[in-house]
Amino acid sequence: MWEVLSTVGNDIRSDRQQVLGGWIVRTFKTNEYGKAVDQAFVSDPNHKWKVYKEPSKTKTKKP
């Protein structure tokens, strides 16, 4: 199953899927010229690559 790594607006999205010996990472890009998909293999035999979500930004009240 594909896991979302990051998104940038509606224009760029990256996903990964665990495979034997590592990960397949694909990136979808959209611009005025159309759509493109890039794929790459990331070697990680023990699947140690962890994805940490960026903490949500909260607004603080000024005293």
PDB file of N, CA and C in Angstrom:
ATOM      1  N   MET A   1       0.844  -1.165   0.000  1.00  0.00           N
ATOM      2  CA  MET A   1       0.000   0.000   0.000  1.00  0.00           C
ATOM      3  C   MET A   1       0.901   1.244   0.000  1.00  0.00           C
ATOM      4  N   TRP A   2       0.533   2.239  -0.774  1.00  0.00           N
ATOM      5  CA  TRP A   2       1.289   3.486  -0.870  1.00  0.00           C
ATOM      6  C   TRP A   2       1.017   4.351   0.353  1.00  0.00           C
ATOM      7  N   GLU A   3       2.081   4.943   0.884  1.00  0.00           N
ATOM      8  CA  GLU A   3       2.013   5.836   2.031  1.00  0.00           C
ATOM      9  C   GLU A   3       2.415   7.233   1.563  1.00  0.00           C
ATOM     10  N   VAL A   4       1.589   8.229   1.869  1.00  0.00           N
ATOM     11  CA  VAL A   4       1.882   9.600   1.467  1.00  0.00           C
ATOM     12  C   VAL A   4       3.047  10.126   2.296  1.00  0.00           C
ATOM     13  N   LEU A   5       4.060  10.666   1.609  1.00  0.00           N
ATOM     14  CA  LEU A   5       5.213  11.260   2.284  1.00  0.00           C
ATOM     15  C   LEU A   5       5.034  12.746   2.464  1.00  0.00           C
ATOM     16  N   SER A   6       4.662  13.433   1.379  1.00  0.00           N
ATOM     17  CA  SER A   6       4.473  14.877   1.466  1.00  0.00           C
ATOM     18  C   SER A   6       3.595  15.348   0.326  1.00  0.00           C
ATOM     19  N   THR A   7       2.989  16.505   0.545  1.00  0.00           N
ATOM     20  CA  THR A   7       2.213  17.167  -0.495  1.00  0.00           C
ATOM     21  C   THR A   7       2.551  18.651  -0.461  1.00  0.00           C
ATOM     22  N   VAL A   8       2.537  19.259  -1.633  1.00  0.00           N
ATOM     23  CA  VAL A   8       2.763  20.694  -1.751  1.00  0.00           C
ATOM     24  C   VAL A   8       1.594  21.235  -2.559  1.00  0.00           C
ATOM     25  N   GLY A   9       0.618  21.755  -1.830  1.00  0.00           N
ATOM     26  CA  GLY A   9      -0.582  22.246  -2.504  1.00  0.00           C
ATOM     27  C   GLY A   9      -1.227  21.135  -3.309  1.00  0.00           C
ATOM     28  N   ASN A  10      -1.721  21.475  -4.480  1.00  0.00           N
ATOM     29  CA  ASN A  10      -2.285  20.475  -5.388  1.00  0.00           C
ATOM     30  C   ASN A  10      -1.299  20.110  -6.486  1.00  0.00           C
ATOM     31  N   ASP A  11      -0.079  20.645  -6.425  1.00  0.00           N
ATOM     32  CA  ASP A  11       0.862  20.498  -7.531  1.00  0.00           C
ATOM     33  C   ASP A  11       1.853  19.350  -7.391  1.00  0.00           C
ATOM     34  N   ILE A  12       2.232  18.981  -6.163  1.00  0.00           N
ATOM     35  CA  ILE A  12       3.247  17.945  -5.968  1.00  0.00           C
ATOM     36  C   ILE A  12       2.823  17.027  -4.829  1.00  0.00           C
ATOM     37  N   ARG A  13       2.963  15.716  -5.070  1.00  0.00           N
ATOM     38  CA  ARG A  13       2.697  14.736  -4.024  1.00  0.00           C
ATOM     39  C   ARG A  13       3.713  13.606  -4.140  1.00  0.00           C
ATOM     40  N   SER A  14       4.262  13.167  -3.016  1.00  0.00           N
ATOM     41  CA  SER A  14       5.211  12.055  -3.004  1.00  0.00           C
ATOM     42  C   SER A  14       4.671  10.937  -2.127  1.00  0.00           C
ATOM     43  N   ASP A  15       4.805   9.699  -2.615  1.00  0.00           N
ATOM     44  CA  ASP A  15       4.364   8.506  -1.905  1.00  0.00           C
ATOM     45  C   ASP A  15       5.499   7.504  -1.876  1.00  0.00           C
ATOM     46  N   ARG A  16       5.413   6.535  -0.973  1.00  0.00           N
ATOM     47  CA  ARG A  16       6.375   5.444  -0.967  1.00  0.00           C
ATOM     48  C   ARG A  16       5.647   4.127  -0.747  1.00  0.00           C
ATOM     49  N   GLN A  17       6.281   3.045  -1.214  1.00  0.00           N
ATOM     50  CA  GLN A  17       5.747   1.706  -0.984  1.00  0.00           C
ATOM     51  C   GLN A  17       6.911   0.791  -0.640  1.00  0.00           C
ATOM     52  N   GLN A  18       6.725  -0.010   0.392  1.00  0.00           N
ATOM     53  CA  GLN A  18       7.761  -0.939   0.823  1.00  0.00           C
ATOM     54  C   GLN A  18       7.862  -2.088  -0.167  1.00  0.00           C
ATOM     55  N   VAL A  19       9.087  -2.371  -0.616  1.00  0.00           N
ATOM     56  CA  VAL A  19       9.356  -3.493  -1.517  1.00  0.00           C
ATOM     57  C   VAL A  19      10.586  -4.241  -0.985  1.00  0.00           C
ATOM     58  N   LEU A  20      10.867  -5.384  -1.544  1.00  0.00           N
ATOM     59  CA  LEU A  20      12.021  -6.165  -1.141  1.00  0.00           C
ATOM     60  C   LEU A  20      13.295  -5.336  -1.289  1.00  0.00           C
ATOM     61  N   GLY A  21      14.022  -5.127  -0.198  1.00  0.00           N
ATOM     62  CA  GLY A  21      15.287  -4.404  -0.244  1.00  0.00           C
ATOM     63  C   GLY A  21      15.207  -2.898  -0.112  1.00  0.00           C
ATOM     64  N   GLY A  22      14.009  -2.343   0.055  1.00  0.00           N
ATOM     65  CA  GLY A  22      13.923  -0.892   0.175  1.00  0.00           C
ATOM     66  C   GLY A  22      12.530  -0.353  -0.079  1.00  0.00           C
ATOM     67  N   TRP A  23      12.502   0.765  -0.782  1.00  0.00           N
ATOM     68  CA  TRP A  23      11.248   1.484  -1.045  1.00  0.00           C
ATOM     69  C   TRP A  23      11.194   1.950  -2.501  1.00  0.00           C
ATOM     70  N   ILE A  24      10.000   1.979  -3.063  1.00  0.00           N
ATOM     71  CA  ILE A  24       9.756   2.679  -4.317  1.00  0.00           C
ATOM     72  C   ILE A  24       9.133   4.016  -3.918  1.00  0.00           C
ATOM     73  N   VAL A  25       9.708   5.099  -4.395  1.00  0.00           N
ATOM     74  CA  VAL A  25       9.190   6.443  -4.103  1.00  0.00           C
ATOM     75  C   VAL A  25       8.727   7.041  -5.426  1.00  0.00           C
ATOM     76  N   ARG A  26       7.501   7.521  -5.447  1.00  0.00           N
ATOM     77  CA  ARG A  26       6.986   8.162  -6.664  1.00  0.00           C
ATOM     78  C   ARG A  26       6.525   9.569  -6.324  1.00  0.00           C
ATOM     79  N   THR A  27       6.717  10.453  -7.287  1.00  0.00           N
ATOM     80  CA  THR A  27       6.326  11.851  -7.122  1.00  0.00           C
ATOM     81  C   THR A  27       5.465  12.263  -8.306  1.00  0.00           C
ATOM     82  N   PHE A  28       4.319  12.798  -8.022  1.00  0.00           N
ATOM     83  CA  PHE A  28       3.401  13.313  -9.035  1.00  0.00           C
ATOM     84  C   PHE A  28       3.536  14.828  -9.068  1.00  0.00           C
ATOM     85  N   LYS A  29       3.728  15.383 -10.259  1.00  0.00           N
ATOM     86  CA  LYS A  29       3.865  16.832 -10.413  1.00  0.00           C
ATOM     87  C   LYS A  29       2.881  17.310 -11.472  1.00  0.00           C
ATOM     88  N   THR A  30       2.278  18.450 -11.217  1.00  0.00           N
ATOM     89  CA  THR A  30       1.363  19.058 -12.170  1.00  0.00           C
ATOM     90  C   THR A  30       1.761  20.519 -12.345  1.00  0.00           C
ATOM     91  N   ASN A  31       1.835  20.948 -13.606  1.00  0.00           N
ATOM     92  CA  ASN A  31       2.104  22.360 -13.878  1.00  0.00           C
ATOM     93  C   ASN A  31       1.385  22.745 -15.166  1.00  0.00           C
ATOM     94  N   GLU A  32       1.685  23.921 -15.688  1.00  0.00           N
ATOM     95  CA  GLU A  32       0.970  24.405 -16.878  1.00  0.00           C
ATOM     96  C   GLU A  32       1.224  23.548 -18.120  1.00  0.00           C
ATOM     97  N   TYR A  33       2.256  22.698 -18.089  1.00  0.00           N
ATOM     98  CA  TYR A  33       2.588  21.853 -19.240  1.00  0.00           C
ATOM     99  C   TYR A  33       1.962  20.464 -19.163  1.00  0.00           C
ATOM    100  N   GLY A  34       1.365  20.130 -18.024  1.00  0.00           N
ATOM    101  CA  GLY A  34       0.735  18.825 -17.879  1.00  0.00           C
ATOM    102  C   GLY A  34       1.151  18.142 -16.592  1.00  0.00           C
ATOM    103  N   LYS A  35       1.087  16.809 -16.640  1.00  0.00           N
ATOM    104  CA  LYS A  35       1.393  16.009 -15.453  1.00  0.00           C
ATOM    105  C   LYS A  35       2.616  15.144 -15.711  1.00  0.00           C
ATOM    106  N   ALA A  36       3.379  14.873 -14.636  1.00  0.00           N
ATOM    107  CA  ALA A  36       4.551  14.004 -14.737  1.00  0.00           C
ATOM    108  C   ALA A  36       4.614  13.127 -13.494  1.00  0.00           C
ATOM    109  N   VAL A  37       5.157  11.927 -13.663  1.00  0.00           N
ATOM    110  CA  VAL A  37       5.360  11.015 -12.546  1.00  0.00           C
ATOM    111  C   VAL A  37       6.808  10.558 -12.587  1.00  0.00           C
ATOM    112  N   ASP A  38       7.502  10.706 -11.461  1.00  0.00           N
ATOM    113  CA  ASP A  38       8.870  10.215 -11.322  1.00  0.00           C
ATOM    114  C   ASP A  38       8.852   9.088 -10.303  1.00  0.00           C
ATOM    115  N   GLN A  39       9.673   8.050 -10.539  1.00  0.00           N
ATOM    116  CA  GLN A  39       9.806   6.954  -9.587  1.00  0.00           C
ATOM    117  C   GLN A  39      11.278   6.693  -9.332  1.00  0.00           C
ATOM    118  N   ALA A  40      11.584   6.303  -8.100  1.00  0.00           N
ATOM    119  CA  ALA A  40      12.968   5.977  -7.746  1.00  0.00           C
ATOM    120  C   ALA A  40      12.951   4.851  -6.721  1.00  0.00           C
ATOM    121  N   PHE A  41      14.037   4.077  -6.703  1.00  0.00           N
ATOM    122  CA  PHE A  41      14.212   3.045  -5.697  1.00  0.00           C
ATOM    123  C   PHE A  41      15.161   3.581  -4.640  1.00  0.00           C
ATOM    124  N   VAL A  42      14.772   3.447  -3.367  1.00  0.00           N
ATOM    125  CA  VAL A  42      15.615   3.857  -2.250  1.00  0.00           C
ATOM    126  C   VAL A  42      16.011   2.591  -1.502  1.00  0.00           C
ATOM    127  N   SER A  43      17.306   2.280  -1.510  1.00  0.00           N
ATOM    128  CA  SER A  43      17.801   1.088  -0.841  1.00  0.00           C
ATOM    129  C   SER A  43      17.697   1.244   0.672  1.00  0.00           C
ATOM    130  N   ASP A  44      17.044   0.294   1.310  1.00  0.00           N
ATOM    131  CA  ASP A  44      16.878   0.276   2.765  1.00  0.00           C
ATOM    132  C   ASP A  44      16.499  -1.158   3.135  1.00  0.00           C
ATOM    133  N   PRO A  45      17.471  -2.086   3.110  1.00  0.00           N
ATOM    134  CA  PRO A  45      17.174  -3.508   3.297  1.00  0.00           C
ATOM    135  C   PRO A  45      16.403  -3.831   4.580  1.00  0.00           C
ATOM    136  N   ASN A  46      16.616  -3.065   5.635  1.00  0.00           N
ATOM    137  CA  ASN A  46      15.930  -3.344   6.899  1.00  0.00           C
ATOM    138  C   ASN A  46      14.717  -2.456   7.141  1.00  0.00           C
ATOM    139  N   HIS A  47      14.352  -1.658   6.148  1.00  0.00           N
ATOM    140  CA  HIS A  47      13.191  -0.762   6.210  1.00  0.00           C
ATOM    141  C   HIS A  47      13.213   0.093   7.477  1.00  0.00           C
ATOM    142  N   LYS A  48      14.324   0.792   7.686  1.00  0.00           N
ATOM    143  CA  LYS A  48      14.486   1.655   8.863  1.00  0.00           C
ATOM    144  C   LYS A  48      14.033   3.090   8.611  1.00  0.00           C
ATOM    145  N   TRP A  49      13.708   3.436   7.369  1.00  0.00           N
ATOM    146  CA  TRP A  49      13.299   4.799   7.045  1.00  0.00           C
ATOM    147  C   TRP A  49      11.965   5.096   7.722  1.00  0.00           C
ATOM    148  N   LYS A  50      11.992   6.002   8.666  1.00  0.00           N
ATOM    149  CA  LYS A  50      10.787   6.411   9.385  1.00  0.00           C
ATOM    150  C   LYS A  50      10.343   7.772   8.879  1.00  0.00           C
ATOM    151  N   VAL A  51       9.064   7.949   8.775  1.00  0.00           N
ATOM    152  CA  VAL A  51       8.494   9.228   8.345  1.00  0.00           C
ATOM    153  C   VAL A  51       7.865   9.875   9.564  1.00  0.00           C
ATOM    154  N   TYR A  52       8.339  11.063   9.879  1.00  0.00           N
ATOM    155  CA  TYR A  52       7.806  11.810  11.005  1.00  0.00           C
ATOM    156  C   TYR A  52       6.975  12.952  10.464  1.00  0.00           C
ATOM    157  N   LYS A  53       5.786  13.056  10.951  1.00  0.00           N
ATOM    158  CA  LYS A  53       4.892  14.129  10.524  1.00  0.00           C
ATOM    159  C   LYS A  53       5.337  15.428  11.191  1.00  0.00           C
ATOM    160  N   GLU A  54       5.307  16.505  10.422  1.00  0.00           N
ATOM    161  CA  GLU A  54       5.647  17.819  10.959  1.00  0.00           C
ATOM    162  C   GLU A  54       4.595  18.211  11.979  1.00  0.00           C
ATOM    163  N   PRO A  55       5.019  18.666  13.159  1.00  0.00           N
ATOM    164  CA  PRO A  55       4.019  19.055  14.165  1.00  0.00           C
ATOM    165  C   PRO A  55       3.144  20.189  13.649  1.00  0.00           C
ATOM    166  N   SER A  56       1.882  20.129  14.007  1.00  0.00           N
ATOM    167  CA  SER A  56       0.974  21.181  13.556  1.00  0.00           C
ATOM    168  C   SER A  56       1.334  22.486  14.237  1.00  0.00           C
ATOM    169  N   LYS A  57       1.196  23.545  13.499  1.00  0.00           N
ATOM    170  CA  LYS A  57       1.518  24.865  14.021  1.00  0.00           C
ATOM    171  C   LYS A  57       0.272  25.419  14.698  1.00  0.00           C
ATOM    172  N   THR A  58       0.473  25.882  15.902  1.00  0.00           N
ATOM    173  CA  THR A  58      -0.652  26.451  16.649  1.00  0.00           C
ATOM    174  C   THR A  58      -0.402  27.938  16.868  1.00  0.00           C
ATOM    175  N   LYS A  59      -1.468  28.662  16.916  1.00  0.00           N
ATOM    176  CA  LYS A  59      -1.374  30.090  17.172  1.00  0.00           C
ATOM    177  C   LYS A  59      -1.338  30.318  18.673  1.00  0.00           C
ATOM    178  N   THR A  60      -0.482  31.200  19.088  1.00  0.00           N
ATOM    179  CA  THR A  60      -0.433  31.563  20.509  1.00  0.00           C
ATOM    180  C   THR A  60      -0.946  32.979  20.674  1.00  0.00           C
ATOM    181  N   LYS A  61      -1.633  33.168  21.766  1.00  0.00           N
ATOM    182  CA  LYS A  61      -2.158  34.515  22.042  1.00  0.00           C
ATOM    183  C   LYS A  61      -1.068  35.358  22.661  1.00  0.00           C
ATOM    184  N   LYS A  62      -0.993  36.588  22.225  1.00  0.00           N
ATOM    185  CA  LYS A  62      -0.051  37.520  22.812  1.00  0.00           C
ATOM    186  C   LYS A  62      -0.663  38.114  24.062  1.00  0.00           C
ATOM    187  N   PRO A  63       0.126  38.236  25.143  1.00  0.00           N
ATOM    188  CA  PRO A  63      -0.444  38.788  26.407  1.00  0.00           C
ATOM    189  C   PRO A  63      -0.803  40.246  26.276  1.00  0.00           C
TER     190      PRO A  63
END
